[in-house]
């Protein structure tokens, strides 16, 4: 279902069955990141940087077999939603990207 916007979210890909989505507000975040200049390279870098960061969380969630539900990027950053929190150690490792 790539390419369709639903509820303000655009699914751009999937990773291990979990959708990777962009929210319309990412445009505002990218514009602010570039200092409100016409800078498509900066805009792309903003989105890519957040995607890579959230993928780091997703890799650890997948490693601990906690079930990645969604990887999302929005104007203020992003999030990686997962099924289970795991034990306190796993939660700390996932949150810290280590």
PDB file of N, CA and C in Angstrom:
ATOM      1  N   UNK A   1       0.826  -1.189   0.000  1.00  0.00           N
ATOM      2  CA  UNK A   1       0.000   0.000   0.000  1.00  0.00           C
ATOM      3  C   UNK A   1       0.870   1.253   0.000  1.00  0.00           C
ATOM      4  N   UNK A   2       2.020   1.196  -0.591  1.00  0.00           N
ATOM      5  CA  UNK A   2       2.889   2.371  -0.670  1.00  0.00           C
ATOM      6  C   UNK A   2       2.247   3.423  -1.557  1.00  0.00           C
ATOM      7  N   UNK A   3       2.469   4.680  -1.209  1.00  0.00           N
ATOM      8  CA  UNK A   3       2.020   5.768  -2.045  1.00  0.00           C
ATOM      9  C   UNK A   3       0.672   6.362  -1.689  1.00  0.00           C
ATOM     10  N   UNK A   4      -0.078   5.774  -0.761  1.00  0.00           N
ATOM     11  CA  UNK A   4      -1.387   6.301  -0.388  1.00  0.00           C
ATOM     12  C   UNK A   4      -1.316   6.952   0.983  1.00  0.00           C
ATOM     13  N   UNK A   5      -1.947   8.113   1.105  1.00  0.00           N
ATOM     14  CA  UNK A   5      -1.978   8.804   2.388  1.00  0.00           C
ATOM     15  C   UNK A   5      -3.265   8.421   3.113  1.00  0.00           C
ATOM     16  N   UNK A   6      -3.107   8.039   4.390  1.00  0.00           N
ATOM     17  CA  UNK A   6      -4.250   7.704   5.231  1.00  0.00           C
ATOM     18  C   UNK A   6      -4.080   8.349   6.583  1.00  0.00           C
ATOM     19  N   UNK A   7      -5.053   9.145   6.969  1.00  0.00           N
ATOM     20  CA  UNK A   7      -5.030   9.785   8.282  1.00  0.00           C
ATOM     21  C   UNK A   7      -3.812  10.659   8.499  1.00  0.00           C
ATOM     22  N   UNK A   8      -3.297  11.251   7.430  1.00  0.00           N
ATOM     23  CA  UNK A   8      -2.129  12.114   7.540  1.00  0.00           C
ATOM     24  C   UNK A   8      -0.803  11.383   7.429  1.00  0.00           C
ATOM     25  N   UNK A   9      -0.842  10.061   7.290  1.00  0.00           N
ATOM     26  CA  UNK A   9       0.370   9.243   7.197  1.00  0.00           C
ATOM     27  C   UNK A   9       0.510   8.667   5.799  1.00  0.00           C
ATOM     28  N   UNK A  10       1.745   8.638   5.311  1.00  0.00           N
ATOM     29  CA  UNK A  10       2.065   8.074   4.008  1.00  0.00           C
ATOM     30  C   UNK A  10       3.016   6.912   4.215  1.00  0.00           C
ATOM     31  N   UNK A  11       2.590   5.715   3.852  1.00  0.00           N
ATOM     32  CA  UNK A  11       3.462   4.552   3.999  1.00  0.00           C
ATOM     33  C   UNK A  11       4.436   4.519   2.833  1.00  0.00           C
ATOM     34  N   UNK A  12       5.738   4.561   3.145  1.00  0.00           N
ATOM     35  CA  UNK A  12       6.755   4.594   2.095  1.00  0.00           C
ATOM     36  C   UNK A  12       7.425   3.240   1.881  1.00  0.00           C
ATOM     37  N   UNK A  13       7.346   2.363   2.868  1.00  0.00           N
ATOM     38  CA  UNK A  13       7.989   1.050   2.768  1.00  0.00           C
ATOM     39  C   UNK A  13       7.512   0.192   3.928  1.00  0.00           C
ATOM     40  N   UNK A  14       8.089  -1.003   4.025  1.00  0.00           N
ATOM     41  CA  UNK A  14       7.829  -1.891   5.154  1.00  0.00           C
ATOM     42  C   UNK A  14       9.136  -2.594   5.507  1.00  0.00           C
ATOM     43  N   UNK A  15       9.279  -2.935   6.778  1.00  0.00           N
ATOM     44  CA  UNK A  15      10.461  -3.644   7.256  1.00  0.00           C
ATOM     45  C   UNK A  15       9.997  -4.782   8.144  1.00  0.00           C
ATOM     46  N   UNK A  16      10.274  -6.004   7.752  1.00  0.00           N
ATOM     47  CA  UNK A  16       9.806  -7.202   8.469  1.00  0.00           C
ATOM     48  C   UNK A  16       8.310  -7.133   8.758  1.00  0.00           C
ATOM     49  N   UNK A  17       7.565  -6.654   7.792  1.00  0.00           N
ATOM     50  CA  UNK A  17       6.115  -6.561   7.920  1.00  0.00           C
ATOM     51  C   UNK A  17       5.609  -5.306   8.602  1.00  0.00           C
ATOM     52  N   UNK A  18       6.490  -4.522   9.197  1.00  0.00           N
ATOM     53  CA  UNK A  18       6.077  -3.290   9.888  1.00  0.00           C
ATOM     54  C   UNK A  18       6.136  -2.122   8.901  1.00  0.00           C
ATOM     55  N   UNK A  19       5.084  -1.331   8.815  1.00  0.00           N
ATOM     56  CA  UNK A  19       5.103  -0.201   7.895  1.00  0.00           C
ATOM     57  C   UNK A  19       6.074   0.895   8.340  1.00  0.00           C
ATOM     58  N   UNK A  20       6.700   1.525   7.365  1.00  0.00           N
ATOM     59  CA  UNK A  20       7.521   2.713   7.604  1.00  0.00           C
ATOM     60  C   UNK A  20       6.708   3.866   7.050  1.00  0.00           C
ATOM     61  N   UNK A  21       6.344   4.790   7.935  1.00  0.00           N
ATOM     62  CA  UNK A  21       5.410   5.863   7.563  1.00  0.00           C
ATOM     63  C   UNK A  21       5.991   7.255   7.799  1.00  0.00           C
ATOM     64  N   UNK A  22       5.551   8.181   6.957  1.00  0.00           N
ATOM     65  CA  UNK A  22       5.875   9.599   7.111  1.00  0.00           C
ATOM     66  C   UNK A  22       4.578  10.357   7.374  1.00  0.00           C
ATOM     67  N   UNK A  23       4.592  11.249   8.331  1.00  0.00           N
ATOM     68  CA  UNK A  23       3.437  12.097   8.612  1.00  0.00           C
ATOM     69  C   UNK A  23       3.593  13.393   7.821  1.00  0.00           C
ATOM     70  N   UNK A  24       2.488  14.017   7.465  1.00  0.00           N
ATOM     71  CA  UNK A  24       2.565  15.255   6.687  1.00  0.00           C
ATOM     72  C   UNK A  24       3.382  16.320   7.409  1.00  0.00           C
ATOM     73  N   UNK A  25       3.411  16.287   8.738  1.00  0.00           N
ATOM     74  CA  UNK A  25       4.134  17.303   9.511  1.00  0.00           C
ATOM     75  C   UNK A  25       5.647  17.213   9.330  1.00  0.00           C
ATOM     76  N   UNK A  26       6.141  16.122   8.736  1.00  0.00           N
ATOM     77  CA  UNK A  26       7.575  16.010   8.484  1.00  0.00           C
ATOM     78  C   UNK A  26       8.037  17.138   7.561  1.00  0.00           C
ATOM     79  N   UNK A  27       7.140  17.635   6.727  1.00  0.00           N
ATOM     80  CA  UNK A  27       7.478  18.758   5.841  1.00  0.00           C
ATOM     81  C   UNK A  27       7.816  20.010   6.651  1.00  0.00           C
ATOM     82  N   UNK A  28       7.054  20.259   7.696  1.00  0.00           N
ATOM     83  CA  UNK A  28       7.308  21.419   8.561  1.00  0.00           C
ATOM     84  C   UNK A  28       8.618  21.226   9.325  1.00  0.00           C
ATOM     85  N   UNK A  29       8.835  20.018   9.853  1.00  0.00           N
ATOM     86  CA  UNK A  29      10.076  19.727  10.567  1.00  0.00           C
ATOM     87  C   UNK A  29      11.298  19.877   9.674  1.00  0.00           C
ATOM     88  N   UNK A  30      11.199  19.378   8.451  1.00  0.00           N
ATOM     89  CA  UNK A  30      12.320  19.484   7.516  1.00  0.00           C
ATOM     90  C   UNK A  30      12.580  20.943   7.151  1.00  0.00           C
ATOM     91  N   UNK A  31      11.525  21.717   6.975  1.00  0.00           N
ATOM     92  CA  UNK A  31      11.679  23.134   6.649  1.00  0.00           C
ATOM     93  C   UNK A  31      12.348  23.880   7.804  1.00  0.00           C
ATOM     94  N   UNK A  32      11.944  23.589   9.031  1.00  0.00           N
ATOM     95  CA  UNK A  32      12.569  24.213  10.201  1.00  0.00           C
ATOM     96  C   UNK A  32      14.032  23.782  10.324  1.00  0.00           C
ATOM     97  N   UNK A  33      14.304  22.501  10.059  1.00  0.00           N
ATOM     98  CA  UNK A  33      15.670  21.974  10.109  1.00  0.00           C
ATOM     99  C   UNK A  33      16.601  22.718   9.157  1.00  0.00           C
ATOM    100  N   UNK A  34      16.063  23.131   8.007  1.00  0.00           N
ATOM    101  CA  UNK A  34      16.887  23.833   7.004  1.00  0.00           C
ATOM    102  C   UNK A  34      16.929  25.339   7.237  1.00  0.00           C
ATOM    103  N   UNK A  35      16.368  25.802   8.328  1.00  0.00           N
ATOM    104  CA  UNK A  35      16.358  27.241   8.585  1.00  0.00           C
ATOM    105  C   UNK A  35      15.374  27.971   7.690  1.00  0.00           C
ATOM    106  N   UNK A  36      14.314  27.289   7.281  1.00  0.00           N
ATOM    107  CA  UNK A  36      13.269  27.842   6.417  1.00  0.00           C
ATOM    108  C   UNK A  36      13.827  28.342   5.087  1.00  0.00           C
ATOM    109  N   UNK A  37      14.795  27.576   4.573  1.00  0.00           N
ATOM    110  CA  UNK A  37      15.378  27.880   3.253  1.00  0.00           C
ATOM    111  C   UNK A  37      14.958  26.804   2.268  1.00  0.00           C
ATOM    112  N   UNK A  38      15.057  27.134   0.994  1.00  0.00           N
ATOM    113  CA  UNK A  38      14.841  26.156  -0.066  1.00  0.00           C
ATOM    114  C   UNK A  38      16.092  25.299  -0.134  1.00  0.00           C
ATOM    115  N   UNK A  39      16.048  24.129   0.513  1.00  0.00           N
ATOM    116  CA  UNK A  39      17.222  23.268   0.615  1.00  0.00           C
ATOM    117  C   UNK A  39      16.787  21.800   0.593  1.00  0.00           C
ATOM    118  N   UNK A  40      16.413  21.288  -0.575  1.00  0.00           N
ATOM    119  CA  UNK A  40      15.937  19.907  -0.662  1.00  0.00           C
ATOM    120  C   UNK A  40      16.920  18.877  -0.106  1.00  0.00           C
ATOM    121  N   UNK A  41      18.209  19.114  -0.237  1.00  0.00           N
ATOM    122  CA  UNK A  41      19.201  18.198   0.320  1.00  0.00           C
ATOM    123  C   UNK A  41      19.106  18.121   1.835  1.00  0.00           C
ATOM    124  N   UNK A  42      18.904  19.255   2.468  1.00  0.00           N
ATOM    125  CA  UNK A  42      18.733  19.285   3.929  1.00  0.00           C
ATOM    126  C   UNK A  42      17.432  18.610   4.337  1.00  0.00           C
ATOM    127  N   UNK A  43      16.383  18.824   3.569  1.00  0.00           N
ATOM    128  CA  UNK A  43      15.099  18.208   3.879  1.00  0.00           C
ATOM    129  C   UNK A  43      15.219  16.689   3.816  1.00  0.00           C
ATOM    130  N   UNK A  44      15.843  16.210   2.752  1.00  0.00           N
ATOM    131  CA  UNK A  44      16.028  14.772   2.586  1.00  0.00           C
ATOM    132  C   UNK A  44      16.895  14.214   3.718  1.00  0.00           C
ATOM    133  N   UNK A  45      17.952  14.942   4.061  1.00  0.00           N
ATOM    134  CA  UNK A  45      18.851  14.514   5.136  1.00  0.00           C
ATOM    135  C   UNK A  45      18.116  14.419   6.465  1.00  0.00           C
ATOM    136  N   UNK A  46      17.242  15.370   6.747  1.00  0.00           N
ATOM    137  CA  UNK A  46      16.447  15.380   7.972  1.00  0.00           C
ATOM    138  C   UNK A  46      15.623  14.095   8.077  1.00  0.00           C
ATOM    139  N   UNK A  47      14.908  13.779   7.002  1.00  0.00           N
ATOM    140  CA  UNK A  47      14.053  12.587   7.004  1.00  0.00           C
ATOM    141  C   UNK A  47      14.907  11.325   7.097  1.00  0.00           C
ATOM    142  N   UNK A  48      15.987  11.270   6.338  1.00  0.00           N
ATOM    143  CA  UNK A  48      16.862  10.103   6.345  1.00  0.00           C
ATOM    144  C   UNK A  48      17.489   9.879   7.722  1.00  0.00           C
ATOM    145  N   UNK A  49      17.936  10.945   8.357  1.00  0.00           N
ATOM    146  CA  UNK A  49      18.547  10.843   9.679  1.00  0.00           C
ATOM    147  C   UNK A  49      17.567  10.267  10.702  1.00  0.00           C
ATOM    148  N   UNK A  50      16.339  10.744  10.681  1.00  0.00           N
ATOM    149  CA  UNK A  50      15.335  10.228  11.618  1.00  0.00           C
ATOM    150  C   UNK A  50      15.000   8.775  11.295  1.00  0.00           C
ATOM    151  N   UNK A  51      14.880   8.456  10.007  1.00  0.00           N
ATOM    152  CA  UNK A  51      14.601   7.062   9.609  1.00  0.00           C
ATOM    153  C   UNK A  51      15.703   6.132  10.096  1.00  0.00           C
ATOM    154  N   UNK A  52      16.952   6.513   9.907  1.00  0.00           N
ATOM    155  CA  UNK A  52      18.076   5.682  10.351  1.00  0.00           C
ATOM    156  C   UNK A  52      18.048   5.510  11.869  1.00  0.00           C
ATOM    157  N   UNK A  53      17.783   6.597  12.579  1.00  0.00           N
ATOM    158  CA  UNK A  53      17.708   6.538  14.036  1.00  0.00           C
ATOM    159  C   UNK A  53      16.613   5.562  14.484  1.00  0.00           C
ATOM    160  N   UNK A  54      15.418   5.705  13.924  1.00  0.00           N
ATOM    161  CA  UNK A  54      14.302   4.841  14.310  1.00  0.00           C
ATOM    162  C   UNK A  54      14.542   3.396  13.889  1.00  0.00           C
ATOM    163  N   UNK A  55      15.243   3.191  12.784  1.00  0.00           N
ATOM    164  CA  UNK A  55      15.596   1.836  12.367  1.00  0.00           C
ATOM    165  C   UNK A  55      16.529   1.189  13.393  1.00  0.00           C
ATOM    166  N   UNK A  56      17.374   1.990  14.023  1.00  0.00           N
ATOM    167  CA  UNK A  56      18.222   1.469  15.089  1.00  0.00           C
ATOM    168  C   UNK A  56      17.394   0.897  16.225  1.00  0.00           C
ATOM    169  N   UNK A  57      16.360   1.609  16.617  1.00  0.00           N
ATOM    170  CA  UNK A  57      15.447   1.090  17.639  1.00  0.00           C
ATOM    171  C   UNK A  57      14.778  -0.191  17.134  1.00  0.00           C
ATOM    172  N   UNK A  58      14.316  -0.167  15.879  1.00  0.00           N
ATOM    173  CA  UNK A  58      13.599  -1.319  15.315  1.00  0.00           C
ATOM    174  C   UNK A  58      14.485  -2.563  15.240  1.00  0.00           C
ATOM    175  N   UNK A  59      15.752  -2.397  14.903  1.00  0.00           N
ATOM    176  CA  UNK A  59      16.671  -3.538  14.832  1.00  0.00           C
ATOM    177  C   UNK A  59      16.789  -4.197  16.202  1.00  0.00           C
ATOM    178  N   UNK A  60      16.892  -3.383  17.251  1.00  0.00           N
ATOM    179  CA  UNK A  60      16.997  -3.943  18.603  1.00  0.00           C
ATOM    180  C   UNK A  60      15.689  -4.603  19.040  1.00  0.00           C
ATOM    181  N   UNK A  61      14.561  -3.991  18.706  1.00  0.00           N
ATOM    182  CA  UNK A  61      13.265  -4.608  19.023  1.00  0.00           C
ATOM    183  C   UNK A  61      13.172  -5.958  18.318  1.00  0.00           C
ATOM    184  N   UNK A  62      13.558  -6.000  17.060  1.00  0.00           N
ATOM    185  CA  UNK A  62      13.520  -7.247  16.289  1.00  0.00           C
ATOM    186  C   UNK A  62      14.483  -8.275  16.892  1.00  0.00           C
ATOM    187  N   UNK A  63      15.659  -7.826  17.290  1.00  0.00           N
ATOM    188  CA  UNK A  63      16.660  -8.717  17.894  1.00  0.00           C
ATOM    189  C   UNK A  63      16.121  -9.392  19.153  1.00  0.00           C
ATOM    190  N   UNK A  64      15.386  -8.630  19.956  1.00  0.00           N
ATOM    191  CA  UNK A  64      14.811  -9.181  21.181  1.00  0.00           C
ATOM    192  C   UNK A  64      13.461  -9.861  20.936  1.00  0.00           C
ATOM    193  N   UNK A  65      13.043  -9.925  19.695  1.00  0.00           N
ATOM    194  CA  UNK A  65      11.787 -10.587  19.301  1.00  0.00           C
ATOM    195  C   UNK A  65      10.574 -10.011  20.034  1.00  0.00           C
ATOM    196  N   UNK A  66      10.509  -8.679  20.066  1.00  0.00           N
ATOM    197  CA  UNK A  66       9.408  -8.004  20.745  1.00  0.00           C
ATOM    198  C   UNK A  66       8.342  -7.500  19.767  1.00  0.00           C
ATOM    199  N   UNK A  67       8.518  -7.739  18.485  1.00  0.00           N
ATOM    200  CA  UNK A  67       7.501  -7.418  17.487  1.00  0.00           C
ATOM    201  C   UNK A  67       7.399  -5.957  17.113  1.00  0.00           C
ATOM    202  N   UNK A  68       8.078  -5.564  16.065  1.00  0.00           N
ATOM    203  CA  UNK A  68       7.985  -4.190  15.566  1.00  0.00           C
ATOM    204  C   UNK A  68       6.618  -4.010  14.913  1.00  0.00           C
ATOM    205  N   UNK A  69       5.870  -2.992  15.332  1.00  0.00           N
ATOM    206  CA  UNK A  69       4.551  -2.693  14.776  1.00  0.00           C
ATOM    207  C   UNK A  69       4.604  -1.585  13.733  1.00  0.00           C
ATOM    208  N   UNK A  70       5.490  -0.586  13.956  1.00  0.00           N
ATOM    209  CA  UNK A  70       5.503   0.579  13.078  1.00  0.00           C
ATOM    210  C   UNK A  70       6.780   1.381  13.297  1.00  0.00           C
ATOM    211  N   UNK A  71       7.280   1.931  12.200  1.00  0.00           N
ATOM    212  CA  UNK A  71       8.374   2.893  12.250  1.00  0.00           C
ATOM    213  C   UNK A  71       7.811   4.163  11.626  1.00  0.00           C
ATOM    214  N   UNK A  72       7.807   5.243  12.377  1.00  0.00           N
ATOM    215  CA  UNK A  72       7.148   6.462  11.913  1.00  0.00           C
ATOM    216  C   UNK A  72       8.062   7.671  12.057  1.00  0.00           C
ATOM    217  N   UNK A  73       7.937   8.574  11.095  1.00  0.00           N
ATOM    218  CA  UNK A  73       8.683   9.838  11.105  1.00  0.00           C
ATOM    219  C   UNK A  73       7.657  10.960  11.021  1.00  0.00           C
ATOM    220  N   UNK A  74       7.795  11.940  11.924  1.00  0.00           N
ATOM    221  CA  UNK A  74       6.882  13.090  11.920  1.00  0.00           C
ATOM    222  C   UNK A  74       7.696  14.363  12.119  1.00  0.00           C
ATOM    223  N   UNK A  75       7.036  15.467  12.179  1.00  0.00           N
ATOM    224  CA  UNK A  75       7.700  16.765  12.241  1.00  0.00           C
ATOM    225  C   UNK A  75       8.608  16.984  13.428  1.00  0.00           C
ATOM    226  N   UNK A  76       8.367  16.311  14.527  1.00  0.00           N
ATOM    227  CA  UNK A  76       9.188  16.490  15.723  1.00  0.00           C
ATOM    228  C   UNK A  76      10.159  15.340  15.960  1.00  0.00           C
ATOM    229  N   UNK A  77      10.266  14.437  15.005  1.00  0.00           N
ATOM    230  CA  UNK A  77      11.177  13.304  15.152  1.00  0.00           C
ATOM    231  C   UNK A  77      10.546  12.040  14.623  1.00  0.00           C
ATOM    232  N   UNK A  78      10.444  11.042  15.480  1.00  0.00           N
ATOM    233  CA  UNK A  78       9.864   9.781  15.053  1.00  0.00           C
ATOM    234  C   UNK A  78       9.656   8.855  16.221  1.00  0.00           C
ATOM    235  N   UNK A  79       9.160   7.665  15.918  1.00  0.00           N
ATOM    236  CA  UNK A  79       8.988   6.645  16.944  1.00  0.00           C
ATOM    237  C   UNK A  79       8.979   5.266  16.308  1.00  0.00           C
ATOM    238  N   UNK A  80       9.315   4.295  17.116  1.00  0.00           N
ATOM    239  CA  UNK A  80       9.271   2.883  16.734  1.00  0.00           C
ATOM    240  C   UNK A  80       8.332   2.207  17.724  1.00  0.00           C
ATOM    241  N   UNK A  81       7.160   1.831  17.249  1.00  0.00           N
ATOM    242  CA  UNK A  81       6.186   1.166  18.118  1.00  0.00           C
ATOM    243  C   UNK A  81       6.418  -0.332  18.075  1.00  0.00           C
ATOM    244  N   UNK A  82       6.315  -0.995  19.237  1.00  0.00           N
ATOM    245  CA  UNK A  82       6.488  -2.436  19.273  1.00  0.00           C
ATOM    246  C   UNK A  82       5.476  -3.077  20.204  1.00  0.00           C
ATOM    247  N   UNK A  83       5.286  -4.402  20.019  1.00  0.00           N
ATOM    248  CA  UNK A  83       4.236  -5.144  20.728  1.00  0.00           C
ATOM    249  C   UNK A  83       4.476  -5.262  22.223  1.00  0.00           C
ATOM    250  N   UNK A  84       5.706  -5.578  22.601  1.00  0.00           N
ATOM    251  CA  UNK A  84       6.009  -5.860  23.998  1.00  0.00           C
ATOM    252  C   UNK A  84       7.168  -4.990  24.463  1.00  0.00           C
ATOM    253  N   UNK A  85       7.144  -4.616  25.727  1.00  0.00           N
ATOM    254  CA  UNK A  85       8.222  -3.798  26.280  1.00  0.00           C
ATOM    255  C   UNK A  85       9.444  -4.627  26.641  1.00  0.00           C
ATOM    256  N   UNK A  86       9.268  -5.919  26.828  1.00  0.00           N
ATOM    257  CA  UNK A  86      10.387  -6.756  27.243  1.00  0.00           C
ATOM    258  C   UNK A  86      10.729  -6.528  28.700  1.00  0.00           C
ATOM    259  N   UNK A  87      11.879  -7.041  29.105  1.00  0.00           N
ATOM    260  CA  UNK A  87      12.301  -6.845  30.493  1.00  0.00           C
ATOM    261  C   UNK A  87      12.959  -5.468  30.634  1.00  0.00           C
ATOM    262  N   UNK A  88      13.237  -5.022  31.855  1.00  0.00           N
ATOM    263  CA  UNK A  88      13.814  -3.682  32.048  1.00  0.00           C
ATOM    264  C   UNK A  88      15.134  -3.473  31.291  1.00  0.00           C
ATOM    265  N   UNK A  89      15.977  -4.505  31.231  1.00  0.00           N
ATOM    266  CA  UNK A  89      17.246  -4.374  30.502  1.00  0.00           C
ATOM    267  C   UNK A  89      16.995  -4.159  29.017  1.00  0.00           C
ATOM    268  N   UNK A  90      16.111  -4.951  28.428  1.00  0.00           N
ATOM    269  CA  UNK A  90      15.793  -4.813  27.007  1.00  0.00           C
ATOM    270  C   UNK A  90      15.206  -3.437  26.710  1.00  0.00           C
ATOM    271  N   UNK A  91      14.321  -2.979  27.568  1.00  0.00           N
ATOM    272  CA  UNK A  91      13.721  -1.653  27.383  1.00  0.00           C
ATOM    273  C   UNK A  91      14.781  -0.560  27.401  1.00  0.00           C
ATOM    274  N   UNK A  92      15.724  -0.671  28.320  1.00  0.00           N
ATOM    275  CA  UNK A  92      16.795   0.324  28.407  1.00  0.00           C
ATOM    276  C   UNK A  92      17.689   0.281  27.171  1.00  0.00           C
ATOM    277  N   UNK A  93      18.025  -0.909  26.708  1.00  0.00           N
ATOM    278  CA  UNK A  93      18.884  -1.041  25.523  1.00  0.00           C
ATOM    279  C   UNK A  93      18.169  -0.488  24.295  1.00  0.00           C
ATOM    280  N   UNK A  94      16.909  -0.808  24.129  1.00  0.00           N
ATOM    281  CA  UNK A  94      16.137  -0.313  22.977  1.00  0.00           C
ATOM    282  C   UNK A  94      16.030   1.207  23.026  1.00  0.00           C
ATOM    283  N   UNK A  95      15.767   1.757  24.173  1.00  0.00           N
ATOM    284  CA  UNK A  95      15.629   3.208  24.300  1.00  0.00           C
ATOM    285  C   UNK A  95      16.934   3.943  24.049  1.00  0.00           C
ATOM    286  N   UNK A  96      18.060   3.300  24.392  1.00  0.00           N
ATOM    287  CA  UNK A  96      19.347   3.990  24.247  1.00  0.00           C
ATOM    288  C   UNK A  96      20.041   3.697  22.940  1.00  0.00           C
ATOM    289  N   UNK A  97      19.463   2.807  22.105  1.00  0.00           N
ATOM    290  CA  UNK A  97      20.094   2.442  20.822  1.00  0.00           C
ATOM    291  C   UNK A  97      21.451   1.813  21.016  1.00  0.00           C
ATOM    292  N   UNK A  98      21.638   0.989  22.004  1.00  0.00           N
ATOM    293  CA  UNK A  98      22.943   0.349  22.226  1.00  0.00           C
ATOM    294  C   UNK A  98      22.818  -1.140  22.225  1.00  0.00           C
TER     295      UNK A  98
END
